[in-house]
Amino acid sequence: MMHRFSGNWLRSAVLGVAGCTIGLAQAHVVPNMTVEADFAPGGAYTLRINVDPRTFLASDPTTLPPVPGSWYREQTPAQVAATHEKAQQYLRGAVSLIFNDEKKPLPACQIQAMDGADNTPLKPETEEVHLLATMEGRLPEGANTFRVDFAKNANTSMILLLSQQGRAEPRPQVVFPGEVSRPFELKIAAPATSAKPVSPPSTATEPAATGRIFLTLLTAATCIAGIAGWRLLKYYRHHHRAHGRARDD
């Protein structure tokens, strides 16, 4: 009786392990969404988001295998546009930006396909395709902190890579659905202002200065002429008186 029970238990255990193995084989690992946020001097910022198409192709991305490059290459232009629109809708619902305490939606983005293995542009031999969403914006006035709000229905986890003025933060942040990233302090320098050029001396003052110099010289010449005339007149009167006395004698 004990031997039969042991055999039944062993059979059940083997079947259970086999069932778990089949279940694990059918589930697929979905890569994290990678968000790169770079803040430049003057208040401009750029976001680059690496998106696995499975996150918006299925409610449970783990039920789908990696999306091959041929899936994207064989799409018509209309299908490509529809794929990009689905990706944008997914991102707008999954990711929000918080500056200080003000939540803002993602800016409009440009999307391109890339090789999921090495993050290079899509190639004929690409085995797994990802989408790269790039967007640019400007910080709201007075913003000094930045966070990312990751929605509960994001279907994956997020790795947030932050950099400021070309310097990357040493520790990336891992954010799970329904969480908000830690505050990132913004140290944005004010736009450089060019020095005010020194204005050349106004030529309008030159005639006035020339007039003053001429007037000064004219006054001096008049004074000199007056003194010389007074002395000549004095000499003439003295000489005339002396000559008159000599004639009377």
C-alpha atoms as a PDB file:
ATOM      1  CA  MET A   1       0.000   0.000   0.000  1.00  0.00           C
ATOM      2  CA  MET A   2       2.865   2.317   0.903  1.00  0.00           C
ATOM      3  CA  HIS A   3       4.663   1.404  -2.340  1.00  0.00           C
ATOM      4  CA  ARG A   4       1.560   2.250  -4.425  1.00  0.00           C
ATOM      5  CA  PHE A   5       1.167   5.591  -2.619  1.00  0.00           C
ATOM      6  CA  SER A   6       4.803   6.436  -3.199  1.00  0.00           C
ATOM      7  CA  GLY A   7       4.467   5.626  -6.888  1.00  0.00           C
ATOM      8  CA  ASN A   8       1.375   7.800  -7.288  1.00  0.00           C
ATOM      9  CA  TRP A   9       3.065  10.683  -5.468  1.00  0.00           C
ATOM     10  CA  LEU A  10       6.171  10.392  -7.608  1.00  0.00           C
ATOM     11  CA  ARG A  11       4.079  10.366 -10.783  1.00  0.00           C
ATOM     12  CA  SER A  12       2.177  13.469  -9.630  1.00  0.00           C
ATOM     13  CA  ALA A  13       5.410  15.253  -8.762  1.00  0.00           C
ATOM     14  CA  VAL A  14       6.929  14.490 -12.171  1.00  0.00           C
ATOM     15  CA  LEU A  15       3.785  15.696 -13.956  1.00  0.00           C
ATOM     16  CA  GLY A  16       3.753  18.842 -11.821  1.00  0.00           C
ATOM     17  CA  VAL A  17       7.376  19.637 -12.621  1.00  0.00           C
ATOM     18  CA  ALA A  18       6.728  18.970 -16.305  1.00  0.00           C
ATOM     19  CA  GLY A  19       3.727  21.300 -16.256  1.00  0.00           C
ATOM     20  CA  CYS A  20       5.767  24.051 -14.623  1.00  0.00           C
ATOM     21  CA  THR A  21       8.525  23.567 -17.174  1.00  0.00           C
ATOM     22  CA  ILE A  22       6.058  23.865 -20.057  1.00  0.00           C
ATOM     23  CA  GLY A  23       4.569  26.993 -18.471  1.00  0.00           C
ATOM     24  CA  LEU A  24       7.996  28.568 -18.079  1.00  0.00           C
ATOM     25  CA  ALA A  25       8.864  27.672 -21.644  1.00  0.00           C
ATOM     26  CA  GLN A  26       5.733  29.424 -22.876  1.00  0.00           C
ATOM     27  CA  ALA A  27       6.432  32.627 -20.861  1.00  0.00           C
ATOM     28  CA  HIS A  28       8.908  35.127 -22.282  1.00  0.00           C
ATOM     29  CA  VAL A  29      11.028  37.722 -20.580  1.00  0.00           C
ATOM     30  CA  VAL A  30      10.295  41.286 -21.680  1.00  0.00           C
ATOM     31  CA  PRO A  31      13.244  43.706 -21.479  1.00  0.00           C
ATOM     32  CA  ASN A  32      12.978  46.783 -19.310  1.00  0.00           C
ATOM     33  CA  MET A  33      11.955  50.066 -20.861  1.00  0.00           C
ATOM     34  CA  THR A  34      15.041  52.283 -20.901  1.00  0.00           C
ATOM     35  CA  VAL A  35      14.514  56.033 -20.531  1.00  0.00           C
ATOM     36  CA  GLU A  36      17.458  58.382 -21.044  1.00  0.00           C
ATOM     37  CA  ALA A  37      16.908  61.985 -19.921  1.00  0.00           C
ATOM     38  CA  ASP A  38      19.580  64.553 -20.728  1.00  0.00           C
ATOM     39  CA  PHE A  39      19.375  68.165 -19.515  1.00  0.00           C
ATOM     40  CA  ALA A  40      21.399  70.801 -21.346  1.00  0.00           C
ATOM     41  CA  PRO A  41      22.411  74.328 -20.276  1.00  0.00           C
ATOM     42  CA  GLY A  42      19.736  76.913 -20.867  1.00  0.00           C
ATOM     43  CA  GLY A  43      16.743  74.692 -19.999  1.00  0.00           C
ATOM     44  CA  ALA A  44      16.523  72.336 -22.996  1.00  0.00           C
ATOM     45  CA  TYR A  45      16.152  68.586 -22.445  1.00  0.00           C
ATOM     46  CA  THR A  46      16.049  65.432 -24.582  1.00  0.00           C
ATOM     47  CA  LEU A  47      14.366  62.096 -23.835  1.00  0.00           C
ATOM     48  CA  ARG A  48      15.193  58.803 -25.566  1.00  0.00           C
ATOM     49  CA  ILE A  49      12.968  55.822 -24.787  1.00  0.00           C
ATOM     50  CA  ASN A  50      13.739  52.255 -25.868  1.00  0.00           C
ATOM     51  CA  VAL A  51      10.409  50.462 -26.333  1.00  0.00           C
ATOM     52  CA  ASP A  52       9.836  46.750 -26.873  1.00  0.00           C
ATOM     53  CA  PRO A  53       6.795  46.448 -29.225  1.00  0.00           C
ATOM     54  CA  ARG A  54       5.399  43.646 -27.065  1.00  0.00           C
ATOM     55  CA  THR A  55       4.513  46.215 -24.392  1.00  0.00           C
ATOM     56  CA  PHE A  56       1.765  47.651 -26.611  1.00  0.00           C
ATOM     57  CA  LEU A  57       0.982  44.599 -28.766  1.00  0.00           C
ATOM     58  CA  ALA A  58      -0.378  42.524 -25.865  1.00  0.00           C
ATOM     59  CA  SER A  59      -1.852  43.180 -22.435  1.00  0.00           C
ATOM     60  CA  ASP A  60       0.621  40.595 -21.100  1.00  0.00           C
ATOM     61  CA  PRO A  61       3.876  41.028 -23.039  1.00  0.00           C
ATOM     62  CA  THR A  62       5.333  37.821 -21.611  1.00  0.00           C
ATOM     63  CA  THR A  63       2.912  35.802 -23.769  1.00  0.00           C
ATOM     64  CA  LEU A  64       4.674  36.968 -26.950  1.00  0.00           C
ATOM     65  CA  PRO A  65       8.102  35.957 -28.211  1.00  0.00           C
ATOM     66  CA  PRO A  66      10.589  38.684 -29.206  1.00  0.00           C
ATOM     67  CA  VAL A  67       9.331  40.596 -32.252  1.00  0.00           C
ATOM     68  CA  PRO A  68      11.514  39.790 -35.298  1.00  0.00           C
ATOM     69  CA  GLY A  69      12.926  42.495 -37.525  1.00  0.00           C
ATOM     70  CA  SER A  70      10.936  41.151 -40.468  1.00  0.00           C
ATOM     71  CA  TRP A  71       7.706  42.127 -38.682  1.00  0.00           C
ATOM     72  CA  TYR A  72       8.651  45.784 -39.079  1.00  0.00           C
ATOM     73  CA  ARG A  73      10.451  45.600 -42.424  1.00  0.00           C
ATOM     74  CA  GLU A  74       7.482  43.948 -44.143  1.00  0.00           C
ATOM     75  CA  GLN A  75       4.987  46.597 -43.037  1.00  0.00           C
ATOM     76  CA  THR A  76       3.536  49.049 -45.541  1.00  0.00           C
ATOM     77  CA  PRO A  77       4.002  52.800 -44.900  1.00  0.00           C
ATOM     78  CA  ALA A  78       0.442  52.945 -43.561  1.00  0.00           C
ATOM     79  CA  GLN A  79       1.130  50.034 -41.201  1.00  0.00           C
ATOM     80  CA  VAL A  80       4.368  51.655 -40.028  1.00  0.00           C
ATOM     81  CA  ALA A  81       2.468  54.869 -39.259  1.00  0.00           C
ATOM     82  CA  ALA A  82      -0.130  52.866 -37.304  1.00  0.00           C
ATOM     83  CA  THR A  83       2.622  51.083 -35.361  1.00  0.00           C
ATOM     84  CA  HIS A  84       4.242  54.395 -34.468  1.00  0.00           C
ATOM     85  CA  GLU A  85       0.890  55.795 -33.341  1.00  0.00           C
ATOM     86  CA  LYS A  86       0.302  52.769 -31.088  1.00  0.00           C
ATOM     87  CA  ALA A  87       3.742  53.262 -29.584  1.00  0.00           C
ATOM     88  CA  GLN A  88       3.058  56.944 -28.920  1.00  0.00           C
ATOM     89  CA  GLN A  89      -0.307  56.187 -27.324  1.00  0.00           C
ATOM     90  CA  TYR A  90       1.326  53.600 -25.092  1.00  0.00           C
ATOM     91  CA  LEU A  91       4.097  55.995 -24.036  1.00  0.00           C
ATOM     92  CA  ARG A  92       1.682  58.856 -23.338  1.00  0.00           C
ATOM     93  CA  GLY A  93      -0.303  56.567 -21.054  1.00  0.00           C
ATOM     94  CA  ALA A  94       2.700  54.960 -19.365  1.00  0.00           C
ATOM     95  CA  VAL A  95       5.114  57.847 -18.813  1.00  0.00           C
ATOM     96  CA  SER A  96       4.497  61.320 -17.371  1.00  0.00           C
ATOM     97  CA  LEU A  97       7.052  63.963 -16.435  1.00  0.00           C
ATOM     98  CA  ILE A  98       7.012  65.811 -13.118  1.00  0.00           C
ATOM     99  CA  PHE A  99       8.830  69.133 -12.755  1.00  0.00           C
ATOM    100  CA  ASN A 100       8.824  70.238  -9.117  1.00  0.00           C
ATOM    101  CA  ASP A 101       5.254  69.075  -8.287  1.00  0.00           C
ATOM    102  CA  GLU A 102       3.664  69.739 -11.681  1.00  0.00           C
ATOM    103  CA  LYS A 103       2.887  66.707 -13.845  1.00  0.00           C
ATOM    104  CA  LYS A 104       3.182  67.137 -17.610  1.00  0.00           C
ATOM    105  CA  PRO A 105       2.568  64.756 -20.538  1.00  0.00           C
ATOM    106  CA  LEU A 106       5.330  63.597 -22.822  1.00  0.00           C
ATOM    107  CA  PRO A 107       6.194  65.955 -25.674  1.00  0.00           C
ATOM    108  CA  ALA A 108       5.580  64.795 -29.239  1.00  0.00           C
ATOM    109  CA  CYS A 109       8.172  62.224 -30.263  1.00  0.00           C
ATOM    110  CA  GLN A 110       9.907  60.873 -33.333  1.00  0.00           C
ATOM    111  CA  ILE A 111      10.019  57.067 -33.602  1.00  0.00           C
ATOM    112  CA  GLN A 112      12.421  54.857 -35.497  1.00  0.00           C
ATOM    113  CA  ALA A 113      13.048  51.120 -35.554  1.00  0.00           C
ATOM    114  CA  MET A 114      16.315  49.733 -34.237  1.00  0.00           C
ATOM    115  CA  ASP A 115      18.081  46.476 -33.541  1.00  0.00           C
ATOM    116  CA  GLY A 116      17.116  45.310 -30.069  1.00  0.00           C
ATOM    117  CA  ALA A 117      20.443  43.543 -29.539  1.00  0.00           C
ATOM    118  CA  ASP A 118      22.845  46.454 -30.026  1.00  0.00           C
ATOM    119  CA  ASN A 119      20.576  49.529 -30.290  1.00  0.00           C
ATOM    120  CA  THR A 120      21.751  50.323 -33.811  1.00  0.00           C
ATOM    121  CA  PRO A 121      19.505  51.147 -36.793  1.00  0.00           C
ATOM    122  CA  LEU A 122      17.414  48.286 -38.151  1.00  0.00           C
ATOM    123  CA  LYS A 123      19.405  45.928 -40.389  1.00  0.00           C
ATOM    124  CA  PRO A 124      18.386  43.060 -42.719  1.00  0.00           C
ATOM    125  CA  GLU A 125      19.853  40.587 -40.238  1.00  0.00           C
ATOM    126  CA  THR A 126      18.120  42.091 -37.182  1.00  0.00           C
ATOM    127  CA  GLU A 127      16.531  39.277 -35.175  1.00  0.00           C
ATOM    128  CA  GLU A 128      14.662  41.384 -32.608  1.00  0.00           C
ATOM    129  CA  VAL A 129      13.237  44.830 -33.308  1.00  0.00           C
ATOM    130  CA  HIS A 130      12.750  47.620 -30.783  1.00  0.00           C
ATOM    131  CA  LEU A 131      11.485  51.171 -31.248  1.00  0.00           C
ATOM    132  CA  LEU A 132      13.388  54.288 -30.227  1.00  0.00           C
ATOM    133  CA  ALA A 133      11.234  57.296 -29.316  1.00  0.00           C
ATOM    134  CA  THR A 134      13.071  60.636 -29.206  1.00  0.00           C
ATOM    135  CA  MET A 135      11.530  63.845 -27.932  1.00  0.00           C
ATOM    136  CA  GLU A 136      12.762  67.321 -27.004  1.00  0.00           C
ATOM    137  CA  GLY A 137      11.370  70.014 -24.745  1.00  0.00           C
ATOM    138  CA  ARG A 138      12.160  72.936 -22.471  1.00  0.00           C
ATOM    139  CA  LEU A 139      11.961  73.070 -18.712  1.00  0.00           C
ATOM    140  CA  PRO A 140       9.099  75.037 -17.175  1.00  0.00           C
ATOM    141  CA  GLU A 141      10.199  78.312 -15.640  1.00  0.00           C
ATOM    142  CA  GLY A 142      11.536  77.813 -12.129  1.00  0.00           C
ATOM    143  CA  ALA A 143      11.863  74.009 -12.400  1.00  0.00           C
ATOM    144  CA  ASN A 144      14.575  72.629 -10.116  1.00  0.00           C
ATOM    145  CA  THR A 145      13.607  68.940  -9.756  1.00  0.00           C
ATOM    146  CA  PHE A 146      12.633  66.228 -12.236  1.00  0.00           C
ATOM    147  CA  ARG A 147      10.803  62.919 -11.731  1.00  0.00           C
ATOM    148  CA  VAL A 148       9.106  60.314 -13.898  1.00  0.00           C
ATOM    149  CA  ASP A 149       5.656  58.930 -13.059  1.00  0.00           C
ATOM    150  CA  PHE A 150       5.414  55.342 -14.343  1.00  0.00           C
ATOM    151  CA  ALA A 151       1.821  54.114 -14.776  1.00  0.00           C
ATOM    152  CA  LYS A 152       0.521  50.865 -13.283  1.00  0.00           C
ATOM    153  CA  ASN A 153      -0.405  49.507 -16.722  1.00  0.00           C
ATOM    154  CA  ALA A 154       3.066  50.034 -18.168  1.00  0.00           C
ATOM    155  CA  ASN A 155       3.476  46.222 -18.530  1.00  0.00           C
ATOM    156  CA  THR A 156       7.203  46.324 -17.743  1.00  0.00           C
ATOM    157  CA  SER A 157       9.741  47.953 -15.462  1.00  0.00           C
ATOM    158  CA  MET A 158      11.773  51.025 -16.315  1.00  0.00           C
ATOM    159  CA  ILE A 159      15.458  51.878 -16.084  1.00  0.00           C
ATOM    160  CA  LEU A 160      15.979  55.643 -15.850  1.00  0.00           C
ATOM    161  CA  LEU A 161      19.348  57.036 -16.936  1.00  0.00           C
ATOM    162  CA  LEU A 162      19.917  60.702 -16.109  1.00  0.00           C
ATOM    163  CA  SER A 163      22.572  63.122 -17.310  1.00  0.00           C
ATOM    164  CA  GLN A 164      23.059  66.843 -16.996  1.00  0.00           C
ATOM    165  CA  GLN A 165      25.282  69.052 -19.143  1.00  0.00           C
ATOM    166  CA  GLY A 166      27.047  65.981 -20.519  1.00  0.00           C
ATOM    167  CA  ARG A 167      27.702  64.365 -17.115  1.00  0.00           C
ATOM    168  CA  ALA A 168      25.863  61.098 -16.439  1.00  0.00           C
ATOM    169  CA  GLU A 169      24.538  60.161 -13.028  1.00  0.00           C
ATOM    170  CA  PRO A 170      26.570  57.186 -11.774  1.00  0.00           C
ATOM    171  CA  ARG A 171      23.556  55.207 -10.501  1.00  0.00           C
ATOM    172  CA  PRO A 172      20.558  54.434 -12.728  1.00  0.00           C
ATOM    173  CA  GLN A 173      17.108  54.267 -11.172  1.00  0.00           C
ATOM    174  CA  VAL A 174      14.871  51.195 -11.459  1.00  0.00           C
ATOM    175  CA  VAL A 175      11.183  52.121 -11.435  1.00  0.00           C
ATOM    176  CA  PHE A 176       8.334  49.603 -11.351  1.00  0.00           C
ATOM    177  CA  PRO A 177       4.769  50.134 -12.639  1.00  0.00           C
ATOM    178  CA  GLY A 178       2.820  52.441 -10.333  1.00  0.00           C
ATOM    179  CA  GLU A 179       5.956  54.086  -8.915  1.00  0.00           C
ATOM    180  CA  VAL A 180       7.531  57.528  -9.233  1.00  0.00           C
ATOM    181  CA  SER A 181      11.259  57.952  -9.670  1.00  0.00           C
ATOM    182  CA  ARG A 182      13.391  59.722  -7.089  1.00  0.00           C
ATOM    183  CA  PRO A 183      13.767  63.506  -7.511  1.00  0.00           C
ATOM    184  CA  PHE A 184      16.648  64.578  -9.717  1.00  0.00           C
ATOM    185  CA  GLU A 185      18.074  67.996  -8.897  1.00  0.00           C
ATOM    186  CA  LEU A 186      18.342  70.269 -11.904  1.00  0.00           C
ATOM    187  CA  LYS A 187      21.352  72.567 -12.004  1.00  0.00           C
ATOM    188  CA  ILE A 188      20.673  74.421 -15.188  1.00  0.00           C
ATOM    189  CA  ALA A 189      22.855  77.447 -15.859  1.00  0.00           C
ATOM    190  CA  ALA A 190      21.142  80.552 -17.156  1.00  0.00           C
ATOM    191  CA  PRO A 191      21.695  81.306 -20.827  1.00  0.00           C
ATOM    192  CA  ALA A 192      24.947  83.144 -21.370  1.00  0.00           C
ATOM    193  CA  THR A 193      24.497  86.839 -22.025  1.00  0.00           C
ATOM    194  CA  SER A 194      26.941  88.571 -24.333  1.00  0.00           C
ATOM    195  CA  ALA A 195      28.769  91.607 -22.997  1.00  0.00           C
ATOM    196  CA  LYS A 196      27.328  94.907 -24.101  1.00  0.00           C
ATOM    197  CA  PRO A 197      29.662  96.406 -26.698  1.00  0.00           C
ATOM    198  CA  VAL A 198      31.285  99.692 -25.826  1.00  0.00           C
ATOM    199  CA  SER A 199      29.778 102.421 -27.953  1.00  0.00           C
ATOM    200  CA  PRO A 200      32.285 104.557 -29.858  1.00  0.00           C
ATOM    201  CA  PRO A 201      32.381 108.234 -28.971  1.00  0.00           C
ATOM    202  CA  SER A 202      29.521 110.043 -30.567  1.00  0.00           C
ATOM    203  CA  THR A 203      30.538 112.142 -33.541  1.00  0.00           C
ATOM    204  CA  ALA A 204      27.750 114.533 -32.665  1.00  0.00           C
ATOM    205  CA  THR A 205      29.929 116.014 -29.895  1.00  0.00           C
ATOM    206  CA  GLU A 206      32.860 116.700 -32.203  1.00  0.00           C
ATOM    207  CA  PRO A 207      31.466 119.910 -33.778  1.00  0.00           C
ATOM    208  CA  ALA A 208      30.646 121.279 -30.327  1.00  0.00           C
ATOM    209  CA  ALA A 209      34.151 120.517 -29.070  1.00  0.00           C
ATOM    210  CA  THR A 210      35.672 122.082 -32.180  1.00  0.00           C
ATOM    211  CA  GLY A 211      33.502 125.173 -31.688  1.00  0.00           C
ATOM    212  CA  ARG A 212      34.645 125.533 -28.086  1.00  0.00           C
ATOM    213  CA  ILE A 213      38.294 125.281 -29.098  1.00  0.00           C
ATOM    214  CA  PHE A 214      37.802 127.865 -31.858  1.00  0.00           C
ATOM    215  CA  LEU A 215      36.016 130.222 -29.465  1.00  0.00           C
ATOM    216  CA  THR A 216      38.818 129.877 -26.920  1.00  0.00           C
ATOM    217  CA  LEU A 217      41.474 130.631 -29.530  1.00  0.00           C
ATOM    218  CA  LEU A 218      39.455 133.573 -30.856  1.00  0.00           C
ATOM    219  CA  THR A 219      39.064 134.990 -27.353  1.00  0.00           C
ATOM    220  CA  ALA A 220      42.774 134.617 -26.685  1.00  0.00           C
ATOM    221  CA  ALA A 221      43.637 136.273 -29.998  1.00  0.00           C
ATOM    222  CA  THR A 222      41.237 139.119 -29.240  1.00  0.00           C
ATOM    223  CA  CYS A 223      42.805 139.655 -25.836  1.00  0.00           C
ATOM    224  CA  ILE A 224      46.297 139.645 -27.309  1.00  0.00           C
ATOM    225  CA  ALA A 225      45.247 142.041 -30.053  1.00  0.00           C
ATOM    226  CA  GLY A 226      43.588 144.317 -27.487  1.00  0.00           C
ATOM    227  CA  ILE A 227      46.679 144.400 -25.292  1.00  0.00           C
ATOM    228  CA  ALA A 228      48.912 145.072 -28.287  1.00  0.00           C
ATOM    229  CA  GLY A 229      46.592 147.835 -29.526  1.00  0.00           C
ATOM    230  CA  TRP A 230      46.436 149.436 -26.082  1.00  0.00           C
ATOM    231  CA  ARG A 231      50.215 149.461 -25.859  1.00  0.00           C
ATOM    232  CA  LEU A 232      50.552 150.934 -29.392  1.00  0.00           C
ATOM    233  CA  LEU A 233      47.976 153.582 -28.556  1.00  0.00           C
ATOM    234  CA  LYS A 234      49.808 154.457 -25.347  1.00  0.00           C
ATOM    235  CA  TYR A 235      53.090 154.667 -27.208  1.00  0.00           C
ATOM    236  CA  TYR A 236      51.557 156.818 -29.936  1.00  0.00           C
ATOM    237  CA  ARG A 237      50.092 159.279 -27.424  1.00  0.00           C
ATOM    238  CA  HIS A 238      53.368 159.560 -25.548  1.00  0.00           C
ATOM    239  CA  HIS A 239      55.321 160.096 -28.749  1.00  0.00           C
ATOM    240  CA  HIS A 240      52.791 162.662 -30.026  1.00  0.00           C
ATOM    241  CA  ARG A 241      52.995 164.709 -26.816  1.00  0.00           C
ATOM    242  CA  ALA A 242      56.772 164.720 -26.875  1.00  0.00           C
ATOM    243  CA  HIS A 243      56.823 165.825 -30.489  1.00  0.00           C
ATOM    244  CA  GLY A 244      54.332 168.616 -29.769  1.00  0.00           C
ATOM    245  CA  ARG A 245      56.475 170.076 -26.987  1.00  0.00           C
ATOM    246  CA  ALA A 246      59.543 170.083 -29.174  1.00  0.00           C
ATOM    247  CA  ARG A 247      57.701 172.035 -31.893  1.00  0.00           C
ATOM    248  CA  ASP A 248      56.496 174.676 -29.408  1.00  0.00           C
ATOM    249  CA  ASP A 249      60.049 175.271 -28.228  1.00  0.00           C
END
